[in-house]
């Protein structure tokens, strides 16, 4: 193997493996989901926190001049660091709007809204 590219969705599993290969002289890069605590050489992807902030700013445009109401953040799997970062970016923007209540970050439903924990709420 001359190099490894990986989406590290679970640091507890992937960091030791990545660090092992880096220790063997095999370059490792992450993409889409980063593991900055690893010895990986580079990360290629978006800044997920700022992507979440941009998402919230767009949502606010659709909510009108005096945004108010309840907002649920749906996430395929909130345990993924990239999705946690996006949700945090959304929450950090919306906290400045006292008439908006973020009711939570819900996951486990994948792409099926009927299976989402807050479906029907």
C-alpha atoms as a PDB file:
ATOM      1  CA  UNK A   1       0.000   0.000   0.000  1.00  0.00           C
ATOM      2  CA  UNK A   2       1.428   3.358  -1.029  1.00  0.00           C
ATOM      3  CA  UNK A   3      -1.115   5.546   0.732  1.00  0.00           C
ATOM      4  CA  UNK A   4      -4.472   5.513   2.488  1.00  0.00           C
ATOM      5  CA  UNK A   5      -7.423   7.892   2.194  1.00  0.00           C
ATOM      6  CA  UNK A   6     -10.145   7.443   4.791  1.00  0.00           C
ATOM      7  CA  UNK A   7     -13.359   8.975   6.101  1.00  0.00           C
ATOM      8  CA  UNK A   8     -12.827   8.562   9.817  1.00  0.00           C
ATOM      9  CA  UNK A   9     -16.340   8.359  11.196  1.00  0.00           C
ATOM     10  CA  UNK A  10     -15.263   7.056  14.609  1.00  0.00           C
ATOM     11  CA  UNK A  11     -12.028   8.331  16.152  1.00  0.00           C
ATOM     12  CA  UNK A  12     -11.978   5.533  18.713  1.00  0.00           C
ATOM     13  CA  UNK A  13     -11.715   2.980  15.924  1.00  0.00           C
ATOM     14  CA  UNK A  14      -9.874   4.800  13.157  1.00  0.00           C
ATOM     15  CA  UNK A  15      -7.242   6.941  14.925  1.00  0.00           C
ATOM     16  CA  UNK A  16      -5.211   3.984  16.247  1.00  0.00           C
ATOM     17  CA  UNK A  17      -5.328   2.338  12.814  1.00  0.00           C
ATOM     18  CA  UNK A  18      -4.309   5.519  10.999  1.00  0.00           C
ATOM     19  CA  UNK A  19      -1.515   6.195  13.473  1.00  0.00           C
ATOM     20  CA  UNK A  20      -0.246   2.642  13.050  1.00  0.00           C
ATOM     21  CA  UNK A  21       0.055   3.037   9.279  1.00  0.00           C
ATOM     22  CA  UNK A  22       1.654   6.482   9.566  1.00  0.00           C
ATOM     23  CA  UNK A  23       4.161   4.885  11.954  1.00  0.00           C
ATOM     24  CA  UNK A  24       4.933   2.318   9.256  1.00  0.00           C
ATOM     25  CA  UNK A  25       5.705   5.130   6.803  1.00  0.00           C
ATOM     26  CA  UNK A  26       2.429   4.931   4.859  1.00  0.00           C
ATOM     27  CA  UNK A  27       0.875   8.355   4.262  1.00  0.00           C
ATOM     28  CA  UNK A  28      -2.689   8.696   5.489  1.00  0.00           C
ATOM     29  CA  UNK A  29      -5.118  11.486   4.614  1.00  0.00           C
ATOM     30  CA  UNK A  30      -8.688  12.006   5.741  1.00  0.00           C
ATOM     31  CA  UNK A  31     -11.546  13.313   3.626  1.00  0.00           C
ATOM     32  CA  UNK A  32     -15.114  14.388   4.371  1.00  0.00           C
ATOM     33  CA  UNK A  33     -14.688  13.633   8.096  1.00  0.00           C
ATOM     34  CA  UNK A  34     -11.465  14.668   9.827  1.00  0.00           C
ATOM     35  CA  UNK A  35      -9.565  13.177  12.743  1.00  0.00           C
ATOM     36  CA  UNK A  36      -7.281  16.005  13.838  1.00  0.00           C
ATOM     37  CA  UNK A  37      -6.118  14.016  16.873  1.00  0.00           C
ATOM     38  CA  UNK A  38      -4.563  11.435  14.545  1.00  0.00           C
ATOM     39  CA  UNK A  39      -1.166  11.581  12.863  1.00  0.00           C
ATOM     40  CA  UNK A  40      -2.821  11.889   9.434  1.00  0.00           C
ATOM     41  CA  UNK A  41      -0.950  14.106   6.983  1.00  0.00           C
ATOM     42  CA  UNK A  42      -3.862  16.181   5.683  1.00  0.00           C
ATOM     43  CA  UNK A  43      -7.624  16.634   5.662  1.00  0.00           C
ATOM     44  CA  UNK A  44      -9.577  17.322   2.472  1.00  0.00           C
ATOM     45  CA  UNK A  45     -13.113  18.536   2.961  1.00  0.00           C
ATOM     46  CA  UNK A  46     -15.319  21.317   4.148  1.00  0.00           C
ATOM     47  CA  UNK A  47     -15.327  23.141   7.453  1.00  0.00           C
ATOM     48  CA  UNK A  48     -18.420  21.458   8.845  1.00  0.00           C
ATOM     49  CA  UNK A  49     -18.960  23.958  11.667  1.00  0.00           C
ATOM     50  CA  UNK A  50     -19.081  26.857   9.198  1.00  0.00           C
ATOM     51  CA  UNK A  51     -21.285  24.767   6.896  1.00  0.00           C
ATOM     52  CA  UNK A  52     -23.753  24.496   9.781  1.00  0.00           C
ATOM     53  CA  UNK A  53     -23.583  28.249  10.356  1.00  0.00           C
ATOM     54  CA  UNK A  54     -24.299  28.842   6.651  1.00  0.00           C
ATOM     55  CA  UNK A  55     -27.230  26.418   6.879  1.00  0.00           C
ATOM     56  CA  UNK A  56     -28.713  28.370   9.797  1.00  0.00           C
ATOM     57  CA  UNK A  57     -28.254  31.700   8.001  1.00  0.00           C
ATOM     58  CA  UNK A  58     -30.162  30.332   5.008  1.00  0.00           C
ATOM     59  CA  UNK A  59     -32.908  28.993   7.283  1.00  0.00           C
ATOM     60  CA  UNK A  60     -33.273  32.431   8.861  1.00  0.00           C
ATOM     61  CA  UNK A  61     -33.823  33.978   5.425  1.00  0.00           C
ATOM     62  CA  UNK A  62     -36.757  31.624   4.863  1.00  0.00           C
ATOM     63  CA  UNK A  63     -38.191  32.357   8.313  1.00  0.00           C
ATOM     64  CA  UNK A  64     -38.787  36.034   7.482  1.00  0.00           C
ATOM     65  CA  UNK A  65     -38.072  39.352   9.158  1.00  0.00           C
ATOM     66  CA  UNK A  66     -38.972  38.261  12.685  1.00  0.00           C
ATOM     67  CA  UNK A  67     -37.975  34.587  12.859  1.00  0.00           C
ATOM     68  CA  UNK A  68     -39.705  32.554  15.530  1.00  0.00           C
ATOM     69  CA  UNK A  69     -40.777  29.008  16.207  1.00  0.00           C
ATOM     70  CA  UNK A  70     -39.345  25.624  16.990  1.00  0.00           C
ATOM     71  CA  UNK A  71     -36.445  24.145  15.031  1.00  0.00           C
ATOM     72  CA  UNK A  72     -35.422  20.495  15.043  1.00  0.00           C
ATOM     73  CA  UNK A  73     -32.047  19.530  13.643  1.00  0.00           C
ATOM     74  CA  UNK A  74     -32.222  16.182  11.864  1.00  0.00           C
ATOM     75  CA  UNK A  75     -28.962  14.343  11.479  1.00  0.00           C
ATOM     76  CA  UNK A  76     -28.363  10.975   9.860  1.00  0.00           C
ATOM     77  CA  UNK A  77     -26.098  10.005  12.751  1.00  0.00           C
ATOM     78  CA  UNK A  78     -25.220  12.661  15.354  1.00  0.00           C
ATOM     79  CA  UNK A  79     -22.287  10.567  16.554  1.00  0.00           C
ATOM     80  CA  UNK A  80     -20.306  11.482  13.407  1.00  0.00           C
ATOM     81  CA  UNK A  81     -17.966  14.351  14.255  1.00  0.00           C
ATOM     82  CA  UNK A  82     -18.736  16.145  10.986  1.00  0.00           C
ATOM     83  CA  UNK A  83     -22.462  16.085  11.681  1.00  0.00           C
ATOM     84  CA  UNK A  84     -21.958  17.152  15.306  1.00  0.00           C
ATOM     85  CA  UNK A  85     -19.908  20.111  14.054  1.00  0.00           C
ATOM     86  CA  UNK A  86     -22.632  21.087  11.576  1.00  0.00           C
ATOM     87  CA  UNK A  87     -25.332  20.860  14.254  1.00  0.00           C
ATOM     88  CA  UNK A  88     -23.210  22.991  16.585  1.00  0.00           C
ATOM     89  CA  UNK A  89     -22.797  25.639  13.885  1.00  0.00           C
ATOM     90  CA  UNK A  90     -26.578  25.760  13.421  1.00  0.00           C
ATOM     91  CA  UNK A  91     -27.191  26.020  17.157  1.00  0.00           C
ATOM     92  CA  UNK A  92     -24.585  28.742  17.628  1.00  0.00           C
ATOM     93  CA  UNK A  93     -26.278  30.968  15.049  1.00  0.00           C
ATOM     94  CA  UNK A  94     -29.821  30.311  16.257  1.00  0.00           C
ATOM     95  CA  UNK A  95     -29.016  30.992  19.926  1.00  0.00           C
ATOM     96  CA  UNK A  96     -28.903  34.700  19.046  1.00  0.00           C
ATOM     97  CA  UNK A  97     -32.622  34.597  18.150  1.00  0.00           C
ATOM     98  CA  UNK A  98     -34.674  34.496  21.369  1.00  0.00           C
ATOM     99  CA  UNK A  99     -37.908  33.648  19.539  1.00  0.00           C
ATOM    100  CA  UNK A 100     -36.423  30.476  18.080  1.00  0.00           C
ATOM    101  CA  UNK A 101     -36.295  27.325  20.176  1.00  0.00           C
ATOM    102  CA  UNK A 102     -33.980  24.549  19.032  1.00  0.00           C
ATOM    103  CA  UNK A 103     -35.827  21.491  20.319  1.00  0.00           C
ATOM    104  CA  UNK A 104     -32.878  19.177  19.755  1.00  0.00           C
ATOM    105  CA  UNK A 105     -30.638  17.260  17.431  1.00  0.00           C
ATOM    106  CA  UNK A 106     -32.310  14.047  16.353  1.00  0.00           C
ATOM    107  CA  UNK A 107     -30.748  11.136  14.527  1.00  0.00           C
ATOM    108  CA  UNK A 108     -31.066   7.510  13.743  1.00  0.00           C
ATOM    109  CA  UNK A 109     -33.701   7.916  11.067  1.00  0.00           C
ATOM    110  CA  UNK A 110     -31.253   8.096   8.211  1.00  0.00           C
ATOM    111  CA  UNK A 111     -32.891   9.707   5.203  1.00  0.00           C
ATOM    112  CA  UNK A 112     -36.357   8.421   6.074  1.00  0.00           C
ATOM    113  CA  UNK A 113     -38.244  11.269   7.773  1.00  0.00           C
ATOM    114  CA  UNK A 114     -40.934   8.825   8.919  1.00  0.00           C
ATOM    115  CA  UNK A 115     -38.343   7.071  11.088  1.00  0.00           C
ATOM    116  CA  UNK A 116     -36.913  10.282  12.540  1.00  0.00           C
ATOM    117  CA  UNK A 117     -37.386  10.452  16.332  1.00  0.00           C
ATOM    118  CA  UNK A 118     -39.281  13.745  16.080  1.00  0.00           C
ATOM    119  CA  UNK A 119     -41.602  12.694  13.219  1.00  0.00           C
ATOM    120  CA  UNK A 120     -45.104  13.908  13.853  1.00  0.00           C
ATOM    121  CA  UNK A 121     -44.008  16.410  16.514  1.00  0.00           C
END
